[in-house]
């Protein structure tokens, strides 16, 4: 099923929905967004799905993360996992705008963007950027808030290995010390609301590490916005 979805995505012409193949339509049609991107209750600090009426998960209550809020548009599952993978690894930067529209369809993401003083994409290492050709988080951030996006304030100062096969403890250790704020511009963050953008959240290790350095630089509030959340790994 996933292979078939990727093949359909690759074959989709401009104006055709990559999910249902309807034409004419936006790259992600409203019907498919309504069907596959229904909002669900999530932890306000880590975006893990929760039962209705519960605001914060047990892990965040016992060990609060450095994020004041975290919002995910969808779960990292069919059909989004295949489409996001194609976006990142098959050279499809033009899909950022469609995915930003998907993010804005989540009721909690638009207010967070509007409230932000600065929007910061999770940066890639030079090695990863050379492999991929573009930073998907930067493209999403620019599509969400072009006037607020700053691509040079939050820096990645250390390359980290791919985390796909790592557990939570390993992920947290891998990104320790991987981020920094440009010391010449740190004053931009003092007392401000910083929004950090990434495409996929698994354990939250990268977002947490980035949030810590933003707080150290003086940010008053840090919110994370992600396109998709891997719900089964915490």
Protein backbone atom coordinates (compact mmCIF):
# COMPACT_ATOMS: atom_id res chain seq x y z
CA UNK A 1 0.00 0.00 0.00
CA UNK A 2 2.80 2.42 0.92
CA UNK A 3 4.69 1.67 -2.29
CA UNK A 4 1.53 2.25 -4.28
CA UNK A 5 1.01 5.56 -2.49
CA UNK A 6 4.55 6.73 -3.31
CA UNK A 7 4.10 5.76 -6.96
CA UNK A 8 0.88 7.74 -7.14
CA UNK A 9 2.54 10.70 -5.44
CA UNK A 10 5.43 10.67 -7.92
CA UNK A 11 3.06 10.42 -10.84
CA UNK A 12 0.76 13.19 -9.68
CA UNK A 13 0.61 16.09 -12.10
CA UNK A 14 0.30 19.73 -11.00
CA UNK A 15 -3.28 20.28 -9.97
CA UNK A 16 -3.88 16.66 -8.92
CA UNK A 17 -4.29 15.54 -5.32
CA UNK A 18 -1.43 13.20 -4.37
CA UNK A 19 -3.73 11.14 -2.15
CA UNK A 20 -6.98 10.63 -4.06
CA UNK A 21 -5.60 11.66 -7.48
CA UNK A 22 -8.60 13.92 -8.02
CA UNK A 23 -8.25 16.54 -10.74
CA UNK A 24 -8.47 19.45 -10.76
CA UNK A 25 -7.42 19.97 -7.15
CA UNK A 26 -4.68 21.39 -4.96
CA UNK A 27 -1.71 19.04 -4.34
CA UNK A 28 -3.55 18.09 -1.16
CA UNK A 29 -7.26 18.45 -1.74
CA UNK A 30 -9.63 19.65 0.96
CA UNK A 31 -11.51 16.35 0.99
CA UNK A 32 -8.36 14.35 1.77
CA UNK A 33 -7.23 16.80 4.42
CA UNK A 34 -10.65 16.52 6.03
CA UNK A 35 -10.51 12.72 5.85
CA UNK A 36 -6.93 12.05 6.94
CA UNK A 37 -6.07 15.08 9.07
CA UNK A 38 -8.82 15.26 11.65
CA UNK A 39 -7.61 17.09 14.80
CA UNK A 40 -7.21 14.89 17.87
CA UNK A 41 -6.45 15.65 21.52
CA UNK A 42 -2.70 15.87 22.15
CA UNK A 43 -0.44 16.73 25.05
CA UNK A 44 0.11 20.47 25.07
CA UNK A 45 3.85 20.04 25.79
CA UNK A 46 4.89 17.10 23.56
CA UNK A 47 1.94 16.56 21.16
CA UNK A 48 1.50 12.86 21.99
CA UNK A 49 -2.14 11.77 21.51
CA UNK A 50 -4.20 11.76 24.69
CA UNK A 51 -7.73 10.95 25.76
CA UNK A 52 -10.23 13.75 25.33
CA UNK A 53 -10.16 16.21 28.20
CA UNK A 54 -6.55 15.48 29.24
CA UNK A 55 -4.22 18.42 28.65
CA UNK A 56 -0.80 17.01 29.52
CA UNK A 57 0.72 13.53 29.50
CA UNK A 58 2.27 11.86 32.54
CA UNK A 59 5.84 12.20 31.27
CA UNK A 60 5.51 15.95 30.76
CA UNK A 61 3.90 16.36 34.18
CA UNK A 62 6.72 14.50 35.92
CA UNK A 63 9.57 15.88 33.79
CA UNK A 64 8.44 19.05 31.97
CA UNK A 65 10.21 19.53 28.63
CA UNK A 66 11.79 22.90 27.73
CA UNK A 67 8.88 23.63 25.39
CA UNK A 68 5.95 25.71 26.59
CA UNK A 69 3.78 24.20 23.86
CA UNK A 70 4.05 21.71 21.03
CA UNK A 71 1.57 21.24 18.18
CA UNK A 72 1.43 18.58 15.48
CA UNK A 73 -0.83 18.71 12.46
CA UNK A 74 -1.11 14.95 11.86
CA UNK A 75 0.20 11.60 13.04
CA UNK A 76 3.15 10.14 11.18
CA UNK A 77 1.15 7.37 9.54
CA UNK A 78 -0.66 6.60 6.29
CA UNK A 79 -0.88 8.56 4.07
CA UNK A 80 1.40 11.25 5.51
CA UNK A 81 4.46 9.14 6.32
CA UNK A 82 4.95 8.13 2.67
CA UNK A 83 4.33 11.63 1.36
CA UNK A 84 6.68 13.27 3.86
CA UNK A 85 9.37 10.72 3.04
CA UNK A 86 9.02 11.52 -0.64
CA UNK A 87 9.17 15.24 0.12
CA UNK A 88 12.43 14.90 2.08
CA UNK A 89 14.32 12.17 0.30
CA UNK A 90 13.17 12.37 -3.32
CA UNK A 91 13.85 16.02 -4.04
CA UNK A 92 10.37 17.52 -3.81
CA UNK A 93 10.90 20.95 -2.17
CA UNK A 94 7.86 22.36 -3.95
CA UNK A 95 5.66 20.32 -1.64
CA UNK A 96 6.47 22.56 1.31
CA UNK A 97 3.61 24.92 0.51
CA UNK A 98 1.06 22.12 0.39
CA UNK A 99 2.29 20.73 3.69
CA UNK A 100 2.20 24.20 5.24
CA UNK A 101 -1.44 24.42 4.18
CA UNK A 102 -2.00 21.09 5.89
CA UNK A 103 -0.38 22.44 9.06
CA UNK A 104 -2.51 25.56 8.98
CA UNK A 105 -5.61 23.36 8.78
CA UNK A 106 -4.90 22.27 12.37
CA UNK A 107 -6.78 24.76 14.59
CA UNK A 108 -3.91 25.31 17.03
CA UNK A 109 -1.10 26.04 14.57
CA UNK A 110 -2.38 29.28 13.01
CA UNK A 111 -2.70 31.03 16.41
CA UNK A 112 0.82 29.94 17.35
CA UNK A 113 2.24 31.38 14.13
CA UNK A 114 0.37 34.63 14.65
CA UNK A 115 1.64 34.92 18.24
CA UNK A 116 5.28 34.26 17.34
CA UNK A 117 7.87 37.00 17.34
CA UNK A 118 10.31 34.85 15.38
CA UNK A 119 9.98 31.51 13.55
CA UNK A 120 13.07 29.29 13.54
CA UNK A 121 13.51 26.13 11.46
CA UNK A 122 15.48 23.25 12.96
CA UNK A 123 18.79 23.59 11.09
CA UNK A 124 20.54 20.77 9.25
CA UNK A 125 24.25 20.04 9.43
CA UNK A 126 26.27 20.88 6.33
CA UNK A 127 26.66 17.18 5.63
CA UNK A 128 22.93 16.50 5.83
CA UNK A 129 22.13 19.58 3.76
CA UNK A 130 24.54 18.45 1.06
CA UNK A 131 22.93 15.00 0.99
CA UNK A 132 19.37 16.30 0.81
CA UNK A 133 19.80 19.51 -1.16
CA UNK A 134 17.44 21.57 1.00
CA UNK A 135 16.27 21.95 4.58
CA UNK A 136 12.65 20.82 4.72
CA UNK A 137 12.08 22.58 8.04
CA UNK A 138 13.22 25.89 6.54
CA UNK A 139 10.88 25.50 3.58
CA UNK A 140 7.96 24.75 5.89
CA UNK A 141 8.79 27.73 8.11
CA UNK A 142 8.97 30.09 5.15
CA UNK A 143 5.67 28.80 3.81
CA UNK A 144 4.05 29.26 7.23
CA UNK A 145 5.48 32.68 8.12
CA UNK A 146 7.78 34.21 5.50
CA UNK A 147 8.09 37.56 7.26
CA UNK A 148 8.97 36.02 10.64
CA UNK A 149 11.29 33.21 9.56
CA UNK A 150 14.95 33.61 10.50
CA UNK A 151 17.20 30.88 9.09
CA UNK A 152 20.45 32.10 10.66
CA UNK A 153 19.64 32.65 14.30
CA UNK A 154 19.41 29.02 15.45
CA UNK A 155 22.52 27.13 14.32
CA UNK A 156 23.55 23.49 14.15
CA UNK A 157 27.14 23.33 15.30
CA UNK A 158 27.59 19.56 15.27
CA UNK A 159 26.60 16.85 12.81
CA UNK A 160 24.58 14.06 14.39
CA UNK A 161 23.95 10.53 13.10
CA UNK A 162 20.61 9.53 11.68
CA UNK A 163 18.25 8.75 14.55
CA UNK A 164 15.74 6.43 12.88
CA UNK A 165 16.96 3.30 14.69
CA UNK A 166 17.73 4.98 18.04
CA UNK A 167 15.72 4.84 21.22
CA UNK A 168 14.67 7.84 23.26
CA UNK A 169 17.77 7.89 25.49
CA UNK A 170 20.11 7.61 22.51
CA UNK A 171 18.25 10.34 20.63
CA UNK A 172 18.50 12.75 23.55
CA UNK A 173 22.23 12.06 23.86
CA UNK A 174 22.89 12.37 20.13
CA UNK A 175 21.67 15.96 19.90
CA UNK A 176 23.17 17.23 23.15
CA UNK A 177 25.31 20.24 22.24
CA UNK A 178 24.25 20.10 18.59
CA UNK A 179 22.57 23.54 18.54
CA UNK A 180 23.54 27.08 19.40
CA UNK A 181 22.23 30.61 18.97
CA UNK A 182 24.28 33.04 16.92
CA UNK A 183 26.10 34.89 19.73
CA UNK A 184 26.12 38.15 17.81
CA UNK A 185 22.34 38.13 17.51
CA UNK A 186 21.21 36.48 20.73
CA UNK A 187 19.62 39.72 21.91
CA UNK A 188 16.92 39.24 19.26
CA UNK A 189 15.44 36.50 21.45
CA UNK A 190 15.32 38.28 24.79
CA UNK A 191 11.78 38.35 26.10
CA UNK A 192 10.40 37.05 22.80
CA UNK A 193 8.15 34.19 21.76
CA UNK A 194 10.15 31.83 19.54
CA UNK A 195 8.43 29.20 17.42
CA UNK A 196 10.56 26.26 16.25
CA UNK A 197 9.47 24.35 13.12
CA UNK A 198 10.32 20.81 12.06
CA UNK A 199 8.76 18.25 9.75
CA UNK A 200 8.59 15.13 11.95
CA UNK A 201 8.75 14.72 15.73
CA UNK A 202 9.61 11.33 17.19
CA UNK A 203 11.09 11.57 20.69
CA UNK A 204 11.31 15.36 20.55
CA UNK A 205 15.07 15.25 21.16
CA UNK A 206 16.00 17.83 18.50
CA UNK A 207 13.19 20.19 19.44
CA UNK A 208 14.00 19.93 23.15
CA UNK A 209 17.70 20.57 22.53
CA UNK A 210 16.90 23.59 20.38
CA UNK A 211 14.44 24.92 22.95
CA UNK A 212 17.06 24.72 25.69
CA UNK A 213 19.53 26.96 23.84
CA UNK A 214 16.76 29.40 22.94
CA UNK A 215 15.81 29.69 26.60
CA UNK A 216 19.46 30.18 27.56
CA UNK A 217 19.55 33.05 25.05
CA UNK A 218 16.61 34.70 26.80
CA UNK A 219 13.50 33.57 24.92
CA UNK A 220 10.46 34.06 27.15
CA UNK A 221 8.39 31.37 25.44
CA UNK A 222 9.23 28.53 23.06
CA UNK A 223 6.63 26.69 20.99
CA UNK A 224 7.26 23.83 18.58
CA UNK A 225 5.24 23.25 15.41
CA UNK A 226 5.63 20.00 13.49
CA UNK A 227 3.95 18.61 10.44
CA UNK A 228 3.70 15.07 11.83
CA UNK A 229 4.18 13.31 15.18
CA UNK A 230 5.30 9.69 15.49
CA UNK A 231 2.81 8.65 18.12
CA UNK A 232 4.27 5.34 19.26
CA UNK A 233 7.74 6.53 20.37
CA UNK A 234 8.27 8.79 23.36
